[in-house]
Protein backbone atom coordinates (compact mmCIF):
# COMPACT_ATOMS: atom_id res chain seq x y z
CA MET A 1 148.02 79.48 136.37
CA PRO A 2 145.49 81.68 134.67
CA MET A 3 142.08 80.19 133.27
CA SER A 4 140.69 81.25 129.99
CA VAL A 5 137.32 80.92 128.71
CA LEU A 6 136.25 79.08 125.62
CA SER A 7 134.28 81.25 123.14
CA ARG A 8 134.78 79.63 119.51
CA ARG A 9 132.35 76.78 118.58
CA ALA A 10 135.28 75.00 116.91
CA ASP A 11 136.88 74.52 120.67
CA PHE A 12 133.58 73.33 121.97
CA LEU A 13 133.34 70.75 119.02
CA ALA A 14 136.69 69.54 119.57
CA ALA A 15 136.07 69.08 123.47
CA ASN A 16 133.33 66.77 122.12
CA ARG A 17 135.77 64.40 120.88
CA GLY A 18 137.57 64.13 124.13
CA LEU A 19 136.91 62.24 127.42
CA ARG A 20 133.23 62.36 128.52
CA ILE A 21 132.34 62.09 131.99
CA ALA A 22 128.53 62.12 132.98
CA ARG A 23 127.13 63.11 136.30
CA PRO A 24 123.44 63.60 137.30
CA GLY A 25 123.78 67.58 137.17
CA PHE A 26 126.11 67.76 134.21
CA VAL A 27 128.39 66.22 131.79
CA LEU A 28 131.99 67.03 132.04
CA LEU A 29 134.08 66.75 128.68
CA ALA A 30 138.01 66.99 128.95
CA ARG A 31 140.18 67.27 126.00
CA PRO A 32 144.01 68.26 125.59
CA ASN A 33 144.69 71.38 123.93
CA GLU A 34 148.25 71.29 122.78
CA GLY A 35 149.66 73.60 125.51
CA GLN A 36 147.16 76.44 125.41
CA GLY A 37 146.65 76.38 129.23
CA LEU A 38 143.79 75.59 131.60
CA ARG A 39 140.35 76.79 129.66
CA TYR A 40 136.96 76.13 130.53
CA GLY A 41 133.45 76.33 128.55
CA ILE A 42 129.95 76.12 129.72
CA THR A 43 127.00 75.11 127.66
CA VAL A 44 123.21 74.93 128.69
CA THR A 45 120.94 74.18 126.15
CA LYS A 46 117.28 75.36 125.61
CA LYS A 47 115.91 72.20 126.90
CA ILE A 48 116.89 73.02 130.34
CA GLY A 49 114.50 75.83 130.67
CA ASN A 50 113.94 79.64 129.84
CA ALA A 51 117.03 82.38 129.90
CA VAL A 52 116.45 82.97 133.83
CA VAL A 53 117.02 79.10 134.46
CA ARG A 54 119.83 78.82 132.26
CA ASN A 55 121.98 81.85 133.31
CA ARG A 56 121.58 80.52 136.83
CA MET A 57 122.84 77.54 136.01
CA LYS A 58 125.81 78.99 134.19
CA ARG A 59 126.56 81.16 137.15
CA ARG A 60 126.60 78.18 139.39
CA PHE A 61 128.80 76.18 136.90
CA ARG A 62 131.08 79.06 136.49
CA GLU A 63 131.63 79.31 140.42
CA LEU A 64 132.09 75.82 140.63
CA LEU A 65 134.85 75.94 137.75
CA ARG A 66 136.58 78.86 139.44
CA GLU A 67 136.98 76.95 142.58
CA ALA A 68 137.99 73.46 141.45
CA LEU A 69 139.89 73.87 138.24
CA PRO A 70 142.81 75.58 139.78
CA THR A 71 143.76 72.75 142.03
CA ALA A 72 142.15 69.73 140.39
CA GLY A 73 141.62 70.58 136.68
CA LEU A 74 144.00 69.09 134.21
CA PRO A 75 146.76 71.16 132.99
CA ASP A 76 146.78 72.24 129.14
CA HIS A 77 143.39 70.75 128.83
CA ASP A 78 139.97 72.42 127.74
CA HIS A 79 137.03 71.44 130.13
CA VAL A 80 133.49 72.05 129.21
CA LEU A 81 130.70 71.41 131.52
CA ILE A 82 127.11 70.61 129.79
CA GLY A 83 124.22 71.45 131.94
CA ARG A 84 121.64 68.33 132.28
CA GLU A 85 118.11 68.79 133.23
CA GLY A 86 118.67 68.26 137.22
CA GLY A 87 121.43 70.45 137.47
CA VAL A 88 119.48 73.77 138.55
CA GLU A 89 117.83 72.18 141.59
CA ARG A 90 120.86 70.23 142.82
CA ASP A 91 122.64 71.22 146.09
CA PHE A 92 125.63 73.18 145.49
CA ALA A 93 127.84 70.85 147.76
CA LEU A 94 126.66 67.88 146.00
CA LEU A 95 127.56 69.35 142.53
CA ARG A 96 130.81 70.44 144.03
CA ASP A 97 131.42 66.99 145.03
CA GLU A 98 130.34 65.51 141.64
CA LEU A 99 132.78 67.88 139.95
CA ALA A 100 135.58 66.81 142.09
CA ALA A 101 134.86 63.06 141.32
CA ALA A 102 134.47 63.87 137.36
CA LEU A 103 137.93 65.59 137.42
CA THR A 104 139.61 62.67 139.32
CA ARG A 105 137.97 60.28 136.74
CA ALA A 106 139.46 62.62 133.70
CA ALA A 107 142.89 62.78 135.40
CA GLU A 108 142.78 58.97 135.37
CA GLY A 109 141.78 58.97 131.91
CA LYS A 110 138.68 57.12 132.60
CA GLY A 111 135.64 58.54 130.69
CA ASP A 112 132.17 57.09 130.01
CA PRO A 113 131.71 54.56 126.97
CA PRO A 114 131.02 56.63 123.83
CA ARG A 115 127.37 57.03 123.10
CA LYS A 116 125.65 55.39 120.26
CA ARG A 117 124.95 57.40 117.33
CA ARG A 118 121.45 58.26 116.91
């Protein structure tokens, strides 16, 4: 099953209304996309670091998703990874395990409780 990349802001905002699973290195958002196939997006904000750090994090996330989504990803869902502060330094194998656990939780429909509004 081919994967496509989310590029429109509306898709990212829609994913934000879906299931949210937080892990130490990232937050995974998963939301059904009405039969548009397996899609993924990556977000790393400027709070994380400079461009070099953010790009390294995005490369690591891209590789994680390429590896995990074809087998463990939810069919016809959008998957968005949001980078968190410690995500760049974390061991790659640890990130891989965390992503596998997060995808399992998403498949079971178990998200974290909604965040409180600021």
